[in-house]
Amino acid sequence: PYDDNGHGTHVAGCAAGDGTIDARYAGAAQKANILSMKVLSGSGSGATSGIVKAIQTAVQMKEDLNIKVINMSLG
């Protein structure tokens, strides 16, 4: 998914960046895998039902994908 405003990408980099470009900017979870689910439009709007559906999907997939953390960079 495309990150229209960059906040989710920024947060993912802070959390899971591996420091390849500069070790000073390595994240706390450098070996983490990122699963992205877009729930808001390019203007930052969306329905609560879309957010709930994304959470439900992550919970359903948690065993298969070893999902342990959900971050919602919504605004």
PDB file of N, CA and C in Angstrom:
ATOM      1  N   PRO A   1       0.829  -1.206   0.000  1.00  0.00           N
ATOM      2  CA  PRO A   1       0.000   0.000   0.000  1.00  0.00           C
ATOM      3  C   PRO A   1       0.865   1.259   0.000  1.00  0.00           C
ATOM      4  N   TYR A   2       0.347   2.266  -0.618  1.00  0.00           N
ATOM      5  CA  TYR A   2       1.029   3.549  -0.681  1.00  0.00           C
ATOM      6  C   TYR A   2       0.746   4.334   0.591  1.00  0.00           C
ATOM      7  N   ASP A   3       1.773   4.931   1.164  1.00  0.00           N
ATOM      8  CA  ASP A   3       1.642   5.743   2.372  1.00  0.00           C
ATOM      9  C   ASP A   3       1.542   7.204   1.941  1.00  0.00           C
ATOM     10  N   ASP A   4       0.332   7.712   1.865  1.00  0.00           N
ATOM     11  CA  ASP A   4       0.091   9.051   1.337  1.00  0.00           C
ATOM     12  C   ASP A   4       0.805  10.157   2.103  1.00  0.00           C
ATOM     13  N   ASN A   5       0.865  10.032   3.419  1.00  0.00           N
ATOM     14  CA  ASN A   5       1.419  11.115   4.227  1.00  0.00           C
ATOM     15  C   ASN A   5       2.748  10.758   4.889  1.00  0.00           C
ATOM     16  N   GLY A   6       3.176   9.522   4.793  1.00  0.00           N
ATOM     17  CA  GLY A   6       4.493   9.123   5.265  1.00  0.00           C
ATOM     18  C   GLY A   6       4.614   8.790   6.735  1.00  0.00           C
ATOM     19  N   HIS A   7       3.555   9.016   7.521  1.00  0.00           N
ATOM     20  CA  HIS A   7       3.683   8.782   8.960  1.00  0.00           C
ATOM     21  C   HIS A   7       3.870   7.297   9.285  1.00  0.00           C
ATOM     22  N   GLY A   8       3.091   6.434   8.653  1.00  0.00           N
ATOM     23  CA  GLY A   8       3.229   4.996   8.913  1.00  0.00           C
ATOM     24  C   GLY A   8       4.597   4.480   8.507  1.00  0.00           C
ATOM     25  N   THR A   9       5.109   4.962   7.381  1.00  0.00           N
ATOM     26  CA  THR A   9       6.446   4.562   6.931  1.00  0.00           C
ATOM     27  C   THR A   9       7.502   5.044   7.915  1.00  0.00           C
ATOM     28  N   HIS A  10       7.333   6.264   8.389  1.00  0.00           N
ATOM     29  CA  HIS A  10       8.268   6.833   9.363  1.00  0.00           C
ATOM     30  C   HIS A  10       8.296   5.988  10.642  1.00  0.00           C
ATOM     31  N   VAL A  11       7.116   5.662  11.164  1.00  0.00           N
ATOM     32  CA  VAL A  11       7.033   4.880  12.397  1.00  0.00           C
ATOM     33  C   VAL A  11       7.613   3.480  12.193  1.00  0.00           C
ATOM     34  N   ALA A  12       7.317   2.854  11.051  1.00  0.00           N
ATOM     35  CA  ALA A  12       7.862   1.522  10.768  1.00  0.00           C
ATOM     36  C   ALA A  12       9.384   1.564  10.708  1.00  0.00           C
ATOM     37  N   GLY A  13       9.930   2.611  10.113  1.00  0.00           N
ATOM     38  CA  GLY A  13      11.381   2.751  10.052  1.00  0.00           C
ATOM     39  C   GLY A  13      12.002   2.943  11.422  1.00  0.00           C
ATOM     40  N   CYS A  14      11.341   3.728  12.261  1.00  0.00           N
ATOM     41  CA  CYS A  14      11.849   3.930  13.631  1.00  0.00           C
ATOM     42  C   CYS A  14      11.840   2.621  14.414  1.00  0.00           C
ATOM     43  N   ALA A  15      10.819   1.821  14.191  1.00  0.00           N
ATOM     44  CA  ALA A  15      10.687   0.566  14.936  1.00  0.00           C
ATOM     45  C   ALA A  15      11.575  -0.539  14.391  1.00  0.00           C
ATOM     46  N   ALA A  16      11.613  -0.696  13.069  1.00  0.00           N
ATOM     47  CA  ALA A  16      12.244  -1.886  12.490  1.00  0.00           C
ATOM     48  C   ALA A  16      13.379  -1.582  11.520  1.00  0.00           C
ATOM     49  N   GLY A  17      13.791  -0.340  11.417  1.00  0.00           N
ATOM     50  CA  GLY A  17      14.916  -0.022  10.537  1.00  0.00           C
ATOM     51  C   GLY A  17      16.164  -0.776  10.968  1.00  0.00           C
ATOM     52  N   ASP A  18      16.922  -1.292  10.006  1.00  0.00           N
ATOM     53  CA  ASP A  18      18.088  -2.111  10.361  1.00  0.00           C
ATOM     54  C   ASP A  18      19.398  -1.326  10.395  1.00  0.00           C
ATOM     55  N   GLY A  19      19.348  -0.042  10.157  1.00  0.00           N
ATOM     56  CA  GLY A  19      20.559   0.766  10.241  1.00  0.00           C
ATOM     57  C   GLY A  19      21.496   0.621   9.068  1.00  0.00           C
ATOM     58  N   THR A  20      21.021   0.095   7.948  1.00  0.00           N
ATOM     59  CA  THR A  20      21.866  -0.114   6.774  1.00  0.00           C
ATOM     60  C   THR A  20      22.518   1.181   6.314  1.00  0.00           C
ATOM     61  N   ILE A  21      21.759   2.245   6.232  1.00  0.00           N
ATOM     62  CA  ILE A  21      22.289   3.520   5.753  1.00  0.00           C
ATOM     63  C   ILE A  21      23.135   4.189   6.821  1.00  0.00           C
ATOM     64  N   ASP A  22      22.689   4.136   8.057  1.00  0.00           N
ATOM     65  CA  ASP A  22      23.411   4.758   9.160  1.00  0.00           C
ATOM     66  C   ASP A  22      23.032   4.038  10.444  1.00  0.00           C
ATOM     67  N   ALA A  23      23.976   3.397  11.081  1.00  0.00           N
ATOM     68  CA  ALA A  23      23.718   2.591  12.280  1.00  0.00           C
ATOM     69  C   ALA A  23      23.099   3.405  13.407  1.00  0.00           C
ATOM     70  N   ARG A  24      23.277   4.722  13.400  1.00  0.00           N
ATOM     71  CA  ARG A  24      22.679   5.561  14.446  1.00  0.00           C
ATOM     72  C   ARG A  24      21.156   5.540  14.379  1.00  0.00           C
ATOM     73  N   TYR A  25      20.614   5.136  13.232  1.00  0.00           N
ATOM     74  CA  TYR A  25      19.173   5.163  13.046  1.00  0.00           C
ATOM     75  C   TYR A  25      18.552   3.771  13.009  1.00  0.00           C
ATOM     76  N   ALA A  26      19.209   2.802  13.586  1.00  0.00           N
ATOM     77  CA  ALA A  26      18.654   1.449  13.659  1.00  0.00           C
ATOM     78  C   ALA A  26      17.498   1.441  14.655  1.00  0.00           C
ATOM     79  N   GLY A  27      16.455   0.692  14.327  1.00  0.00           N
ATOM     80  CA  GLY A  27      15.290   0.605  15.194  1.00  0.00           C
ATOM     81  C   GLY A  27      15.476  -0.392  16.317  1.00  0.00           C
ATOM     82  N   ALA A  28      14.548  -0.372  17.242  1.00  0.00           N
ATOM     83  CA  ALA A  28      14.600  -1.283  18.396  1.00  0.00           C
ATOM     84  C   ALA A  28      14.311  -2.722  18.000  1.00  0.00           C
ATOM     85  N   ALA A  29      13.569  -2.923  16.928  1.00  0.00           N
ATOM     86  CA  ALA A  29      13.179  -4.271  16.480  1.00  0.00           C
ATOM     87  C   ALA A  29      13.713  -4.501  15.064  1.00  0.00           C
ATOM     88  N   GLN A  30      15.019  -4.492  14.932  1.00  0.00           N
ATOM     89  CA  GLN A  30      15.667  -4.514  13.623  1.00  0.00           C
ATOM     90  C   GLN A  30      15.357  -5.747  12.782  1.00  0.00           C
ATOM     91  N   LYS A  31      15.000  -6.840  13.399  1.00  0.00           N
ATOM     92  CA  LYS A  31      14.715  -8.063  12.644  1.00  0.00           C
ATOM     93  C   LYS A  31      13.219  -8.281  12.429  1.00  0.00           C
ATOM     94  N   ALA A  32      12.429  -7.292  12.772  1.00  0.00           N
ATOM     95  CA  ALA A  32      10.978  -7.399  12.611  1.00  0.00           C
ATOM     96  C   ALA A  32      10.599  -7.352  11.137  1.00  0.00           C
ATOM     97  N   ASN A  33       9.524  -8.005  10.821  1.00  0.00           N
ATOM     98  CA  ASN A  33       8.913  -7.898   9.496  1.00  0.00           C
ATOM     99  C   ASN A  33       7.716  -6.969   9.630  1.00  0.00           C
ATOM    100  N   ILE A  34       7.466  -6.198   8.591  1.00  0.00           N
ATOM    101  CA  ILE A  34       6.371  -5.233   8.608  1.00  0.00           C
ATOM    102  C   ILE A  34       5.250  -5.721   7.694  1.00  0.00           C
ATOM    103  N   LEU A  35       4.046  -5.733   8.216  1.00  0.00           N
ATOM    104  CA  LEU A  35       2.850  -6.026   7.436  1.00  0.00           C
ATOM    105  C   LEU A  35       2.021  -4.751   7.408  1.00  0.00           C
ATOM    106  N   SER A  36       1.806  -4.202   6.241  1.00  0.00           N
ATOM    107  CA  SER A  36       1.099  -2.933   6.121  1.00  0.00           C
ATOM    108  C   SER A  36      -0.337  -3.154   5.665  1.00  0.00           C
ATOM    109  N   MET A  37      -1.263  -2.473   6.321  1.00  0.00           N
ATOM    110  CA  MET A  37      -2.661  -2.497   5.915  1.00  0.00           C
ATOM    111  C   MET A  37      -3.154  -1.063   5.859  1.00  0.00           C
ATOM    112  N   LYS A  38      -3.506  -0.599   4.693  1.00  0.00           N
ATOM    113  CA  LYS A  38      -3.962   0.777   4.509  1.00  0.00           C
ATOM    114  C   LYS A  38      -5.452   0.872   4.832  1.00  0.00           C
ATOM    115  N   VAL A  39      -5.806   1.781   5.752  1.00  0.00           N
ATOM    116  CA  VAL A  39      -7.201   1.921   6.152  1.00  0.00           C
ATOM    117  C   VAL A  39      -7.729   3.342   5.963  1.00  0.00           C
ATOM    118  N   LEU A  40      -6.860   4.288   5.622  1.00  0.00           N
ATOM    119  CA  LEU A  40      -7.299   5.669   5.435  1.00  0.00           C
ATOM    120  C   LEU A  40      -7.039   6.119   4.004  1.00  0.00           C
ATOM    121  N   SER A  41      -7.812   7.084   3.552  1.00  0.00           N
ATOM    122  CA  SER A  41      -7.642   7.636   2.209  1.00  0.00           C
ATOM    123  C   SER A  41      -6.424   8.563   2.175  1.00  0.00           C
ATOM    124  N   GLY A  42      -6.113   9.049   0.997  1.00  0.00           N
ATOM    125  CA  GLY A  42      -5.012   9.986   0.837  1.00  0.00           C
ATOM    126  C   GLY A  42      -5.192  11.271   1.616  1.00  0.00           C
ATOM    127  N   SER A  43      -6.436  11.617   1.916  1.00  0.00           N
ATOM    128  CA  SER A  43      -6.705  12.825   2.694  1.00  0.00           C
ATOM    129  C   SER A  43      -6.753  12.545   4.194  1.00  0.00           C
ATOM    130  N   GLY A  44      -6.513  11.290   4.573  1.00  0.00           N
ATOM    131  CA  GLY A  44      -6.488  10.936   5.989  1.00  0.00           C
ATOM    132  C   GLY A  44      -7.826  10.587   6.588  1.00  0.00           C
ATOM    133  N   SER A  45      -8.826  10.383   5.751  1.00  0.00           N
ATOM    134  CA  SER A  45     -10.139  10.024   6.292  1.00  0.00           C
ATOM    135  C   SER A  45     -10.432   8.549   6.047  1.00  0.00           C
ATOM    136  N   GLY A  46     -11.322   8.026   6.852  1.00  0.00           N
ATOM    137  CA  GLY A  46     -11.714   6.629   6.710  1.00  0.00           C
ATOM    138  C   GLY A  46     -12.779   6.291   7.727  1.00  0.00           C
ATOM    139  N   ALA A  47     -13.272   5.086   7.629  1.00  0.00           N
ATOM    140  CA  ALA A  47     -14.330   4.630   8.535  1.00  0.00           C
ATOM    141  C   ALA A  47     -13.741   3.758   9.644  1.00  0.00           C
ATOM    142  N   THR A  48     -14.340   3.854  10.802  1.00  0.00           N
ATOM    143  CA  THR A  48     -13.934   3.002  11.918  1.00  0.00           C
ATOM    144  C   THR A  48     -14.018   1.531  11.520  1.00  0.00           C
ATOM    145  N   SER A  49     -15.008   1.186  10.709  1.00  0.00           N
ATOM    146  CA  SER A  49     -15.177  -0.207  10.291  1.00  0.00           C
ATOM    147  C   SER A  49     -13.952  -0.715   9.518  1.00  0.00           C
ATOM    148  N   GLY A  50     -13.293   0.140   8.750  1.00  0.00           N
ATOM    149  CA  GLY A  50     -12.085  -0.265   8.036  1.00  0.00           C
ATOM    150  C   GLY A  50     -10.937  -0.551   8.987  1.00  0.00           C
ATOM    151  N   ILE A  51     -10.845   0.247  10.034  1.00  0.00           N
ATOM    152  CA  ILE A  51      -9.807   0.031  11.045  1.00  0.00           C
ATOM    153  C   ILE A  51     -10.073  -1.269  11.787  1.00  0.00           C
ATOM    154  N   VAL A  52     -11.328  -1.481  12.186  1.00  0.00           N
ATOM    155  CA  VAL A  52     -11.700  -2.713  12.894  1.00  0.00           C
ATOM    156  C   VAL A  52     -11.425  -3.934  12.020  1.00  0.00           C
ATOM    157  N   LYS A  53     -11.759  -3.852  10.735  1.00  0.00           N
ATOM    158  CA  LYS A  53     -11.515  -4.974   9.825  1.00  0.00           C
ATOM    159  C   LYS A  53     -10.021  -5.288   9.730  1.00  0.00           C
ATOM    160  N   ALA A  54      -9.173  -4.265   9.664  1.00  0.00           N
ATOM    161  CA  ALA A  54      -7.724  -4.495   9.598  1.00  0.00           C
ATOM    162  C   ALA A  54      -7.221  -5.174  10.873  1.00  0.00           C
ATOM    163  N   ILE A  55      -7.721  -4.742  12.020  1.00  0.00           N
ATOM    164  CA  ILE A  55      -7.320  -5.373  13.283  1.00  0.00           C
ATOM    165  C   ILE A  55      -7.773  -6.827  13.311  1.00  0.00           C
ATOM    166  N   GLN A  56      -9.006  -7.072  12.903  1.00  0.00           N
ATOM    167  CA  GLN A  56      -9.517  -8.444  12.870  1.00  0.00           C
ATOM    168  C   GLN A  56      -8.683  -9.319  11.934  1.00  0.00           C
ATOM    169  N   THR A  57      -8.300  -8.777  10.793  1.00  0.00           N
ATOM    170  CA  THR A  57      -7.474  -9.527   9.844  1.00  0.00           C
ATOM    171  C   THR A  57      -6.129  -9.865  10.466  1.00  0.00           C
ATOM    172  N   ALA A  58      -5.508  -8.900  11.136  1.00  0.00           N
ATOM    173  CA  ALA A  58      -4.218  -9.149  11.787  1.00  0.00           C
ATOM    174  C   ALA A  58      -4.340 -10.226  12.858  1.00  0.00           C
ATOM    175  N   VAL A  59      -5.416 -10.178  13.636  1.00  0.00           N
ATOM    176  CA  VAL A  59      -5.624 -11.185  14.682  1.00  0.00           C
ATOM    177  C   VAL A  59      -5.826 -12.568  14.055  1.00  0.00           C
ATOM    178  N   GLN A  60      -6.567 -12.630  12.956  1.00  0.00           N
ATOM    179  CA  GLN A  60      -6.784 -13.909  12.280  1.00  0.00           C
ATOM    180  C   GLN A  60      -5.480 -14.475  11.707  1.00  0.00           C
ATOM    181  N   MET A  61      -4.568 -13.608  11.302  1.00  0.00           N
ATOM    182  CA  MET A  61      -3.322 -14.036  10.668  1.00  0.00           C
ATOM    183  C   MET A  61      -2.154 -14.153  11.646  1.00  0.00           C
ATOM    184  N   LYS A  62      -2.390 -13.882  12.937  1.00  0.00           N
ATOM    185  CA  LYS A  62      -1.289 -13.781  13.890  1.00  0.00           C
ATOM    186  C   LYS A  62      -0.471 -15.058  14.019  1.00  0.00           C
ATOM    187  N   GLU A  63      -1.097 -16.204  13.979  1.00  0.00           N
ATOM    188  CA  GLU A  63      -0.347 -17.457  14.105  1.00  0.00           C
ATOM    189  C   GLU A  63       0.485 -17.729  12.849  1.00  0.00           C
ATOM    190  N   ASP A  64      -0.126 -17.563  11.693  1.00  0.00           N
ATOM    191  CA  ASP A  64       0.570 -17.836  10.429  1.00  0.00           C
ATOM    192  C   ASP A  64       1.737 -16.894  10.190  1.00  0.00           C
ATOM    193  N   LEU A  65       1.581 -15.627  10.586  1.00  0.00           N
ATOM    194  CA  LEU A  65       2.611 -14.624  10.308  1.00  0.00           C
ATOM    195  C   LEU A  65       3.395 -14.205  11.550  1.00  0.00           C
ATOM    196  N   ASN A  66       3.120 -14.838  12.684  1.00  0.00           N
ATOM    197  CA  ASN A  66       3.820 -14.544  13.937  1.00  0.00           C
ATOM    198  C   ASN A  66       3.661 -13.063  14.326  1.00  0.00           C
ATOM    199  N   ILE A  67       2.464 -12.547  14.180  1.00  0.00           N
ATOM    200  CA  ILE A  67       2.188 -11.151  14.518  1.00  0.00           C
ATOM    201  C   ILE A  67       2.115 -11.003  16.034  1.00  0.00           C
ATOM    202  N   LYS A  68       2.922 -10.089  16.561  1.00  0.00           N
ATOM    203  CA  LYS A  68       2.966  -9.863  18.004  1.00  0.00           C
ATOM    204  C   LYS A  68       2.605  -8.434  18.394  1.00  0.00           C
ATOM    205  N   VAL A  69       2.720  -7.502  17.466  1.00  0.00           N
ATOM    206  CA  VAL A  69       2.477  -6.094  17.764  1.00  0.00           C
ATOM    207  C   VAL A  69       1.632  -5.483  16.646  1.00  0.00           C
ATOM    208  N   ILE A  70       0.688  -4.650  17.037  1.00  0.00           N
ATOM    209  CA  ILE A  70      -0.068  -3.867  16.063  1.00  0.00           C
ATOM    210  C   ILE A  70       0.188  -2.396  16.380  1.00  0.00           C
ATOM    211  N   ASN A  71       0.627  -1.664  15.387  1.00  0.00           N
ATOM    212  CA  ASN A  71       0.782  -0.210  15.517  1.00  0.00           C
ATOM    213  C   ASN A  71      -0.209   0.436  14.568  1.00  0.00           C
ATOM    214  N   MET A  72      -0.920   1.430  15.048  1.00  0.00           N
ATOM    215  CA  MET A  72      -1.853   2.147  14.194  1.00  0.00           C
ATOM    216  C   MET A  72      -1.394   3.596  14.068  1.00  0.00           C
ATOM    217  N   SER A  73      -0.780   3.898  12.945  1.00  0.00           N
ATOM    218  CA  SER A  73      -0.325   5.268  12.667  1.00  0.00           C
ATOM    219  C   SER A  73      -1.429   5.948  11.876  1.00  0.00           C
ATOM    220  N   LEU A  74      -2.371   6.519  12.576  1.00  0.00           N
ATOM    221  CA  LEU A  74      -3.585   7.010  11.931  1.00  0.00           C
ATOM    222  C   LEU A  74      -3.668   8.523  11.812  1.00  0.00           C
ATOM    223  N   GLY A  75      -2.849   9.251  12.496  1.00  0.00           N
ATOM    224  CA  GLY A  75      -3.031  10.684  12.374  1.00  0.00           C
ATOM    225  C   GLY A  75      -1.922  11.483  12.976  1.00  0.00           C
TER     226      GLY A  75
END
